[in-house]
Protein backbone atom coordinates (compact mmCIF):
# COMPACT_ATOMS: atom_id res chain seq x y z
CA MET A 1 93.62 206.81 341.17
CA ILE A 2 96.51 208.17 343.23
CA ASP A 3 99.24 206.19 344.91
CA LYS A 4 99.03 205.65 348.64
CA LYS A 5 100.41 208.54 350.69
CA GLU A 6 100.97 210.71 347.61
CA SER A 7 100.59 214.37 348.57
CA ARG A 8 97.69 216.30 347.16
CA ARG A 9 100.16 218.75 345.58
CA ASP A 10 101.96 215.93 343.74
CA PHE A 11 98.78 214.24 342.63
CA LEU A 12 97.03 217.40 341.47
CA LYS A 13 100.12 218.37 339.51
CA LYS A 14 100.31 214.94 337.88
CA SER A 15 96.61 215.12 337.05
CA GLY A 16 96.99 218.47 335.33
CA LEU A 17 94.93 220.31 337.94
CA THR A 18 95.89 223.75 339.16
CA THR A 19 98.43 223.85 341.99
CA ALA A 20 99.44 227.48 341.94
CA ALA A 21 97.84 228.28 345.28
CA LEU A 22 97.52 225.15 347.37
CA ALA A 23 98.56 226.81 350.58
CA VAL A 24 95.83 227.75 353.03
CA GLY A 25 94.96 231.37 352.55
CA ALA A 26 95.76 231.54 348.85
CA GLY A 27 93.37 231.71 345.92
CA PHE A 28 90.72 233.84 344.28
CA GLN A 29 87.92 235.16 346.45
CA PHE A 30 84.48 235.97 345.12
CA PRO A 31 83.11 239.14 346.74
CA GLY A 32 80.62 237.73 349.23
CA ARG A 33 78.40 239.19 351.88
CA SER A 34 79.68 242.12 353.88
CA TYR A 35 79.56 241.44 357.62
CA ALA A 36 80.74 244.90 358.62
CA ASN A 37 77.73 245.37 360.89
CA SER A 38 78.23 242.01 362.62
CA PRO A 39 80.30 241.64 365.80
CA LYS A 40 82.15 238.71 364.23
CA PRO A 41 82.22 236.75 360.95
CA PRO A 42 79.23 234.50 360.20
CA ASN A 43 78.74 231.20 361.97
CA ILE A 44 78.03 228.02 360.01
CA LEU A 45 75.47 225.39 361.03
CA PHE A 46 76.23 222.39 358.82
CA ILE A 47 73.46 219.77 358.87
CA ALA A 48 74.03 216.40 357.22
CA ILE A 49 71.19 213.88 356.77
CA ASP A 50 72.10 210.32 355.79
CA ASP A 51 70.36 208.85 352.70
CA LEU A 52 67.93 211.78 352.41
CA LYS A 53 66.43 212.04 348.93
CA PRO A 54 64.46 215.18 347.98
CA ILE A 55 61.29 214.03 349.75
CA LEU A 56 60.63 217.41 351.36
CA GLY A 57 57.84 219.93 351.13
CA CYS A 58 60.23 222.54 349.74
CA TYR A 59 61.08 220.11 346.91
CA GLY A 60 57.42 219.77 345.97
CA ASP A 61 56.41 216.61 347.87
CA ARG A 62 52.86 217.21 349.09
CA ARG A 63 52.65 214.22 351.42
CA VAL A 64 55.72 214.70 353.54
CA ILE A 65 55.64 216.64 356.81
CA SER A 66 58.85 218.67 356.93
CA PRO A 67 57.99 222.16 358.28
CA ASN A 68 61.35 222.91 359.88
CA ILE A 69 63.44 222.10 356.82
CA ASP A 70 60.88 223.95 354.69
CA ALA A 71 61.36 227.00 356.93
CA ILE A 72 65.11 226.95 356.23
CA SER A 73 64.31 226.72 352.53
CA ALA A 74 61.96 229.70 352.74
CA GLY A 75 64.83 231.87 353.96
CA GLY A 76 67.49 230.59 351.60
CA THR A 77 68.23 229.01 348.26
CA THR A 78 66.93 225.52 347.48
CA PHE A 79 68.93 223.73 344.81
CA LEU A 80 66.38 221.54 343.03
CA ASN A 81 68.84 220.08 340.53
CA ASN A 82 71.65 219.20 342.93
CA HIS A 83 73.60 215.94 342.61
CA CYS A 84 76.13 214.01 344.65
CA GLN A 85 79.46 213.09 343.08
CA TYR A 86 79.24 209.42 344.08
CA PRO A 87 76.01 207.71 345.25
CA VAL A 88 77.52 206.03 348.32
CA CYS A 89 78.08 207.59 351.76
CA GLY A 90 81.87 207.41 352.02
CA PRO A 91 82.95 208.71 348.60
CA SER A 92 80.17 211.30 348.53
CA ARG A 93 81.13 212.79 351.87
CA ALA A 94 84.86 212.74 351.16
CA SER A 95 84.21 214.59 347.91
CA LEU A 96 81.88 217.08 349.59
CA MET A 97 84.28 217.83 352.44
CA THR A 98 87.26 218.42 350.11
CA SER A 99 85.60 219.81 346.96
CA LEU A 100 87.49 217.17 344.97
CA MET A 101 86.08 214.49 342.70
CA PRO A 102 86.15 210.91 344.06
CA GLU A 103 88.90 209.87 341.68
CA VAL A 104 91.01 212.73 343.02
CA THR A 105 90.45 211.97 346.71
CA GLY A 106 91.00 208.29 345.90
CA VAL A 107 87.93 207.45 347.97
CA ILE A 108 85.92 205.14 345.74
CA GLY A 109 84.54 202.63 348.19
CA PHE A 110 85.57 202.91 351.82
CA LYS A 111 89.19 204.00 351.92
CA GLN A 112 90.62 206.49 354.39
CA MET A 113 91.20 209.73 352.54
CA ARG A 114 94.23 210.81 354.59
CA ALA A 115 95.88 207.43 354.05
CA ILE A 116 95.78 208.35 350.37
CA ILE A 117 96.45 212.11 350.53
CA PRO A 118 97.77 212.86 354.05
CA ASP A 119 97.59 216.65 353.71
CA VAL A 120 94.21 216.86 352.02
CA LEU A 121 92.37 220.01 353.12
CA THR A 122 88.79 219.74 354.36
CA LEU A 123 86.11 222.40 354.55
CA PRO A 124 85.97 222.65 358.37
CA GLN A 125 89.77 222.41 358.56
CA HIS A 126 90.02 225.47 356.29
CA PHE A 127 87.63 227.37 358.55
CA ARG A 128 89.59 226.23 361.59
CA ASN A 129 92.80 227.49 359.99
CA ASN A 130 91.12 230.84 359.44
CA GLY A 131 90.09 231.48 363.02
CA TYR A 132 86.88 229.48 363.45
CA GLU A 133 85.96 227.23 366.35
CA THR A 134 84.97 223.97 364.64
CA ALA A 135 83.00 221.13 366.24
CA ALA A 136 81.01 218.10 365.17
CA THR A 137 78.78 215.28 366.32
CA GLY A 138 76.95 212.48 364.51
CA LYS A 139 77.78 211.29 361.01
CA ILE A 140 79.72 213.93 359.08
CA ASN A 141 82.46 211.99 357.34
CA ASP A 142 81.77 208.31 356.82
CA PRO A 143 83.63 206.74 359.79
CA ARG A 144 85.20 204.16 357.48
CA CYS A 145 86.87 206.89 355.43
CA VAL A 146 88.68 208.78 358.19
CA GLU A 147 91.15 207.53 360.80
CA GLY A 148 89.45 206.84 364.12
CA GLY A 149 86.19 207.79 362.47
CA ARG A 150 83.78 206.49 365.11
CA THR A 151 85.48 208.34 367.95
CA LYS A 152 87.29 211.26 366.29
CA ASP A 153 85.69 211.74 362.87
CA ASP A 154 88.46 213.61 360.99
CA GLU A 155 90.64 214.96 363.81
CA PRO A 156 92.40 217.78 361.86
CA SER A 157 88.99 219.26 360.99
CA TRP A 158 87.84 220.00 364.53
CA SER A 159 89.27 222.46 367.03
CA ILE A 160 86.98 220.92 369.66
CA PRO A 161 87.28 217.11 369.85
CA TYR A 162 84.54 215.26 368.00
CA ARG A 163 81.59 214.61 370.32
CA THR A 164 80.28 211.05 370.61
CA ILE A 165 76.90 210.13 372.10
CA ALA A 166 75.82 207.95 375.01
CA TYR A 167 74.23 204.67 373.96
CA ASP A 168 73.02 203.59 377.41
CA GLY A 169 69.25 203.16 377.42
CA MET A 170 68.95 203.66 373.67
CA TYR A 171 66.44 201.52 371.78
CA LYS A 172 67.92 198.48 370.00
CA GLN A 173 66.21 196.25 367.48
CA GLU A 174 65.62 192.68 368.64
CA VAL A 175 65.11 191.56 365.02
CA LYS A 176 66.82 193.18 362.03
CA LEU A 177 63.71 194.64 360.43
CA ALA A 178 63.82 197.06 357.51
CA CYS A 179 60.99 199.05 359.12
CA GLU A 180 60.01 199.49 362.73
CA ALA A 181 57.73 201.86 364.66
CA PRO A 182 58.56 201.33 368.35
CA SER A 183 56.56 203.17 371.00
CA ILE A 184 59.53 205.03 372.37
CA ASP A 185 60.36 208.55 373.36
CA ASP A 186 62.56 210.58 371.02
CA SER A 187 65.30 210.50 373.66
CA GLU A 188 65.69 206.74 373.14
CA HIS A 189 66.60 207.21 369.47
CA GLU A 190 70.19 207.73 368.30
CA ASP A 191 69.41 210.81 366.23
CA SER A 192 67.76 212.58 369.15
CA ARG A 193 70.93 212.03 371.14
CA ILE A 194 73.01 213.36 368.27
CA CYS A 195 70.83 216.46 368.34
CA ASP A 196 71.32 216.72 372.12
CA GLU A 197 75.09 216.78 371.67
CA GLY A 198 74.75 219.29 368.86
CA LEU A 199 72.76 221.58 371.12
CA LYS A 200 75.37 221.29 373.88
CA LEU A 201 78.12 222.18 371.45
CA MET A 202 76.10 225.08 370.07
CA ARG A 203 75.60 226.53 373.56
CA GLN A 204 79.30 226.15 374.28
CA ILE A 205 80.67 227.76 371.13
CA ALA A 206 78.00 230.44 370.66
CA LYS A 207 79.35 232.19 373.75
CA ALA A 208 82.93 232.28 372.45
CA ASP A 209 84.61 235.22 370.77
CA LYS A 210 85.36 233.14 367.68
CA PRO A 211 82.81 232.43 364.96
CA PHE A 212 81.81 228.78 364.86
CA PHE A 213 81.44 226.00 362.33
CA LEU A 214 79.14 223.39 363.89
CA ALA A 215 78.46 220.14 362.01
CA VAL A 216 75.59 217.89 363.10
CA GLY A 217 75.05 214.65 361.18
CA PHE A 218 71.80 212.68 361.48
CA LYS A 219 71.67 208.97 360.55
CA LYS A 220 68.08 208.53 359.41
CA PRO A 221 66.42 207.94 356.99
CA HIS A 222 69.23 205.43 356.40
CA LEU A 223 68.06 201.83 356.81
CA PRO A 224 66.48 200.53 358.93
CA PHE A 225 63.52 202.88 358.65
CA LEU A 226 63.11 203.12 362.41
CA ALA A 227 61.39 206.13 363.93
CA PRO A 228 59.25 206.56 367.07
CA LYS A 229 55.69 205.44 366.42
CA LYS A 230 54.24 208.94 366.79
CA TYR A 231 55.97 209.93 363.54
CA TRP A 232 54.52 206.92 361.72
CA ASP A 233 51.11 207.90 363.07
CA ARG A 234 51.30 211.25 361.31
CA TYR A 235 50.73 209.38 358.03
CA LYS A 236 48.10 206.95 356.77
CA ARG A 237 49.34 203.93 354.88
CA GLU A 238 46.54 204.27 352.34
CA ASP A 239 47.87 207.68 351.31
CA PHE A 240 50.96 206.08 349.78
CA LYS A 241 51.36 204.43 346.40
CA ILE A 242 54.14 202.24 345.06
CA HIS A 243 56.27 203.66 342.29
CA PRO A 244 54.48 203.48 338.92
CA PHE A 245 57.53 202.28 336.95
CA GLN A 246 59.18 199.13 338.33
CA GLN A 247 61.00 197.76 335.29
CA LYS A 248 64.41 198.28 333.79
CA SER A 249 64.59 201.00 331.19
CA LYS A 250 64.16 200.00 327.58
CA ASN A 251 67.59 199.52 325.99
CA ALA A 252 69.01 199.05 329.48
CA VAL A 253 72.77 198.98 330.11
CA GLU A 254 73.91 196.04 332.24
CA TYR A 255 76.20 198.11 334.47
CA THR A 256 73.34 200.20 335.82
CA TRP A 257 71.33 197.60 337.70
CA HIS A 258 71.65 195.83 341.04
CA ASN A 259 69.64 193.44 343.20
CA SER A 260 68.95 195.93 346.00
CA GLU A 261 71.47 194.11 348.19
CA GLU A 262 71.38 196.81 350.85
CA MET A 263 67.72 196.02 351.47
CA ARG A 264 67.89 192.22 351.05
CA GLY A 265 69.67 191.62 354.35
CA TYR A 266 66.66 192.62 356.46
CA ALA A 267 64.05 190.24 357.87
CA GLY A 268 60.89 190.04 355.79
CA ILE A 269 62.64 191.06 352.55
CA PRO A 270 63.09 188.23 350.01
CA ASP A 271 66.65 187.41 348.99
CA GLU A 272 65.74 188.00 345.36
CA GLY A 273 62.77 188.82 343.20
CA ASP A 274 59.97 191.31 343.66
CA ILE A 275 59.03 192.86 346.98
CA SER A 276 55.31 192.62 347.70
CA THR A 277 53.10 195.66 347.33
CA ASP A 278 52.25 195.67 351.04
CA LYS A 279 55.91 195.58 352.00
CA GLN A 280 56.74 198.35 349.52
CA LEU A 281 54.05 200.54 351.06
CA GLU A 282 55.41 199.81 354.52
CA LEU A 283 58.92 200.76 353.40
CA ILE A 284 57.76 204.01 351.85
CA HIS A 285 55.72 204.81 354.96
CA GLY A 286 58.78 204.14 357.12
CA TYR A 287 60.99 206.37 355.01
CA TYR A 288 58.54 209.26 355.33
CA ALA A 289 58.24 208.72 359.08
CA CYS A 290 62.03 208.93 359.39
CA VAL A 291 62.16 212.14 357.36
CA THR A 292 59.56 213.75 359.64
CA PHE A 293 61.43 212.57 362.74
CA ILE A 294 64.66 214.11 361.46
CA ASP A 295 62.80 217.29 360.54
CA SER A 296 61.80 217.60 364.20
CA GLN A 297 65.46 217.34 365.23
CA VAL A 298 66.41 220.00 362.70
CA GLY A 299 63.73 222.19 364.27
CA ARG A 300 65.38 221.81 367.66
CA LEU A 301 68.67 223.08 366.21
CA THR A 302 67.17 226.10 364.48
CA ALA A 303 65.09 226.99 367.55
CA GLU A 304 68.25 227.00 369.66
CA LEU A 305 69.98 229.32 367.21
CA LYS A 306 67.15 231.80 367.80
CA ARG A 307 67.15 231.31 371.57
CA LEU A 308 70.89 232.01 371.68
CA LYS A 309 70.33 235.07 369.48
CA VAL A 310 72.85 233.99 366.85
CA SER A 311 70.47 233.05 364.02
CA ASP A 312 70.86 236.46 362.34
CA ASN A 313 74.56 235.79 361.89
CA THR A 314 74.49 232.06 361.11
CA ILE A 315 74.57 230.45 357.67
CA ILE A 316 72.66 227.16 357.57
CA VAL A 317 73.68 224.47 355.11
CA LEU A 318 71.47 221.36 354.96
CA TRP A 319 72.28 218.40 352.73
CA GLY A 320 71.62 214.71 352.20
CA ASP A 321 74.67 212.77 351.03
CA HIS A 322 72.93 211.12 348.03
CA GLY A 323 69.52 209.99 346.88
CA TRP A 324 67.74 206.65 347.32
CA HIS A 325 65.62 204.39 345.14
CA LEU A 326 62.22 203.75 346.72
CA GLY A 327 61.01 201.12 344.25
CA ASP A 328 61.53 202.89 340.94
CA HIS A 329 63.01 200.46 338.37
CA ASN A 330 62.42 197.81 341.06
CA LEU A 331 65.44 199.24 342.90
CA TRP A 332 65.84 199.87 346.63
CA GLY A 333 68.90 201.74 347.87
CA LYS A 334 71.48 203.94 346.18
CA HIS A 335 74.40 202.58 344.09
CA THR A 336 73.35 203.79 340.61
CA ASN A 337 73.95 206.76 338.33
CA LEU A 338 70.21 207.24 337.84
CA GLU A 339 68.29 210.28 339.00
CA GLN A 340 66.85 208.83 342.19
CA ALA A 341 70.27 207.84 343.56
CA ALA A 342 72.25 210.85 342.37
CA ARG A 343 69.84 213.74 343.01
CA SER A 344 70.29 215.01 346.54
CA PRO A 345 68.87 217.90 348.57
CA LEU A 346 70.94 221.02 349.20
CA ILE A 347 69.66 224.14 350.94
CA ILE A 348 71.80 227.15 351.87
CA ALA A 349 70.34 229.98 353.92
CA ALA A 350 72.63 232.97 354.50
CA PRO A 351 71.03 235.89 356.37
CA ASP A 352 70.86 239.12 354.41
CA PHE A 353 72.49 237.59 351.35
CA GLY A 354 70.96 237.03 347.97
CA LYS A 355 67.35 236.43 347.12
CA PRO A 356 65.57 233.43 348.70
CA GLY A 357 64.17 231.11 346.10
CA LYS A 358 64.54 227.86 344.20
CA THR A 359 66.77 227.07 341.26
CA ASN A 360 66.89 224.37 338.60
CA SER A 361 70.50 225.16 337.74
CA PRO A 362 72.73 222.06 337.93
CA THR A 363 74.87 221.98 341.07
CA GLY A 364 76.83 219.47 343.12
CA PHE A 365 78.24 218.88 346.56
CA LEU A 366 81.65 219.95 345.24
CA ASP A 367 80.24 223.46 345.32
CA ILE A 368 79.58 223.75 349.06
CA PHE A 369 83.21 224.39 350.06
CA PRO A 370 83.86 227.36 347.71
CA THR A 371 80.38 228.75 348.37
CA LEU A 372 80.95 228.92 352.11
CA CYS A 373 84.36 230.52 351.56
CA ASP A 374 82.64 233.28 349.61
CA LEU A 375 79.82 233.73 352.09
CA ALA A 376 82.25 233.95 355.02
CA ASP A 377 84.70 236.20 353.13
CA LEU A 378 87.46 233.61 353.47
CA PRO A 379 90.10 232.92 350.81
CA THR A 380 89.16 230.07 348.48
CA PRO A 381 91.88 227.42 348.04
CA GLU A 382 92.66 227.22 344.33
CA GLU A 383 92.72 223.42 344.25
CA LEU A 384 88.97 223.17 344.84
CA GLN A 385 87.05 221.65 341.94
CA GLY A 386 83.66 223.04 342.90
CA LYS A 387 82.25 226.41 341.93
CA SER A 388 80.78 229.04 344.19
CA LEU A 389 77.00 229.11 344.13
CA THR A 390 76.75 232.69 345.36
CA PRO A 391 75.80 233.99 341.86
CA ILE A 392 72.81 231.61 341.93
CA MET A 393 71.92 232.72 345.45
CA LYS A 394 71.74 236.26 344.11
CA ASN A 395 69.80 235.24 341.01
CA PRO A 396 68.19 231.75 341.01
CA LYS A 397 67.80 231.90 337.22
CA THR A 398 71.53 232.04 336.55
CA SER A 399 73.94 229.09 336.37
CA VAL A 400 77.60 228.54 337.23
CA ARG A 401 77.98 225.49 334.96
CA LYS A 402 76.16 223.70 332.14
CA GLY A 403 75.99 220.41 334.01
CA ILE A 404 77.27 218.40 336.98
CA VAL A 405 79.07 215.03 337.07
CA THR A 406 78.29 211.96 339.19
CA LEU A 407 80.26 208.75 338.90
CA PHE A 408 79.76 205.18 340.05
CA ARG A 409 81.69 201.95 339.57
CA ARG A 410 80.15 198.57 338.77
CA GLY A 411 82.15 196.51 336.27
CA ALA A 412 83.10 199.79 334.63
CA ILE A 413 83.11 203.39 335.81
CA GLY A 414 79.97 205.24 334.83
CA TYR A 415 80.31 209.00 334.40
CA ALA A 416 76.90 210.68 334.53
CA TYR A 417 76.48 214.23 333.29
CA ARG A 418 73.27 216.01 334.33
CA ASN A 419 72.22 219.35 332.86
CA LYS A 420 68.84 221.04 333.13
CA ARG A 421 67.12 218.52 330.88
CA TYR A 422 69.23 215.43 330.23
CA ARG A 423 71.27 212.78 332.01
CA TYR A 424 74.02 211.37 329.82
CA ILE A 425 76.10 208.44 331.12
CA GLU A 426 79.26 206.91 329.70
CA TRP A 427 80.53 203.62 331.06
CA VAL A 428 84.30 203.41 330.69
CA LYS A 429 86.88 200.67 331.24
CA ASN A 430 90.65 200.89 331.47
CA ASN A 431 92.30 200.24 328.10
CA GLU A 432 88.89 199.80 326.41
CA GLY A 433 87.45 203.29 326.50
CA THR A 434 83.69 203.79 326.40
CA VAL A 435 81.83 200.46 326.52
CA ALA A 436 78.22 201.67 326.96
CA ARG A 437 76.13 204.85 327.00
CA GLU A 438 72.82 206.01 328.46
CA LEU A 439 70.69 209.06 327.76
CA TYR A 440 67.51 210.11 329.55
CA ASP A 441 65.28 213.08 328.77
CA TYR A 442 63.53 214.33 331.92
CA GLU A 443 61.26 216.66 329.98
CA THR A 444 59.60 213.86 328.02
CA ASP A 445 60.47 210.86 330.19
CA PRO A 446 60.91 211.80 333.88
CA LEU A 447 60.70 208.14 334.99
CA GLU A 448 63.68 207.07 332.85
CA THR A 449 61.72 204.43 330.97
CA VAL A 450 63.82 204.55 327.76
CA ASN A 451 67.56 204.82 327.23
CA LEU A 452 67.85 207.02 324.14
CA ALA A 453 71.61 206.82 323.64
CA GLY A 454 71.42 204.37 320.72
CA ASP A 455 68.64 206.21 318.91
CA GLU A 456 69.99 207.69 315.68
CA ARG A 457 67.82 210.79 316.17
CA TYR A 458 69.90 211.67 319.27
CA ARG A 459 73.32 211.07 317.72
CA SER A 460 74.21 214.75 317.55
CA LEU A 461 72.97 215.38 321.10
CA VAL A 462 75.01 212.46 322.44
CA LYS A 463 78.11 213.89 320.78
CA ASP A 464 77.48 217.32 322.33
CA LEU A 465 76.83 215.88 325.78
CA ALA A 466 79.96 213.72 325.57
CA LYS A 467 81.94 216.89 324.92
CA ASP A 468 80.22 218.73 327.78
CA LEU A 469 80.92 215.81 330.12
CA ARG A 470 84.63 216.05 329.39
CA GLN A 471 84.70 219.79 329.84
CA GLU A 472 82.98 219.55 333.21
CA GLY A 473 84.58 216.30 334.34
CA ILE A 474 87.83 217.61 335.78
CA GLY A 475 89.31 214.82 337.85
CA CYS A 476 87.49 212.08 335.90
CA LEU A 477 90.62 210.20 335.04
CA LEU A 478 89.36 207.51 332.67
CA LEU A 479 87.62 209.84 330.24
CA ASP A 480 89.51 210.22 327.00
CA THR A 481 89.71 213.64 325.42
CA GLU A 482 87.83 212.82 322.26
CA GLY A 483 84.75 211.03 323.56
CA ASN A 484 85.41 207.93 321.46
């Protein structure tokens, strides 16, 4: 990890990463969409959804009600095999906004990224530096990871000061419940007010001569699963089932597991041990209700784009910052390198570009920054560690990498490498090297019931995946070069 206040140039050079074109405006540019017929470059609507796992109709979930997000998917590319780079809000968002791995940003946990690399370049900052009006409301960066986060978000990123919301008259829980279905109007919920501010900003900047980059960050379905009752009423409790596999994987690695501490602090949840079937069903119901509530807010944003007649020149990017365990492996929350915590939704819809569809190619949040540079015909800073996804948007069957890396720290640092079929994890300690391994085959074992890493029949595969992990894992500082 880098020293405090070390410049990104110095750290990237020390880490062996490219530094030839760190200045804004330098770097290779993939030929993107031509906007010659547009009055100005494309706008960006950047929608963040906290703790959203791929429980969406466009991801194949038949129970969920998500028509507005599904409509975005229908006009764009849906990345079915997308993964966060760290399954916790702060590190994931810092990595996403900079296209740098968590060990490069230094944000592992809740550290302020500019206290570590003062001149780090963010995605909206790059657009601002290239003539865009940039504005934000809601949760974009984790407020603990940027200076003045709750009132300013990341100040250098926004040409218009970050917009806070009014809390007067907003519903507040009397008891800290994990689930709640109050009979309230949408306007009494925090996310509705975030949407209100987003709409105000959209109306303001859509009239300007500059193209805009508007970021709107919703806070549900993050705990507590609180949504107005009418969204709960759109589902029947009996239509839900608890997860069918609620044990640790066979040959489990100790570093993987936790006690669902994020959930345990709520009333009605036992401090340890199993959660009752009835409570699990209530939690799942609440999560779905929150997703549908947020979908309605997304619909308000996309409807306003059309009303303002800017939808034909606006790229929509919708993402959830990481996944969430809803009872699989008896886990609730994120904080693992397993599929349900690492796999995260990503949808990019760029008008008149590419071929709408779905792809199973491995991708990550690192890739958003360079992709938007390509789509907006902006120069791509050479320091970025992500890869442009525009080739996949043109042909969903192609790939830009063999696999994507997620990391998480618990006793050791676990580096997970996910390709189209396998998840391979190495747990590494300073001065000790690799101390444990995991391997899961999603073609034969989608529920991750067996860790195959110690099976002699997979020895050759483990060796190959270890090599692939190191080739893809630029910025993963504890990985040795030999895979020992």
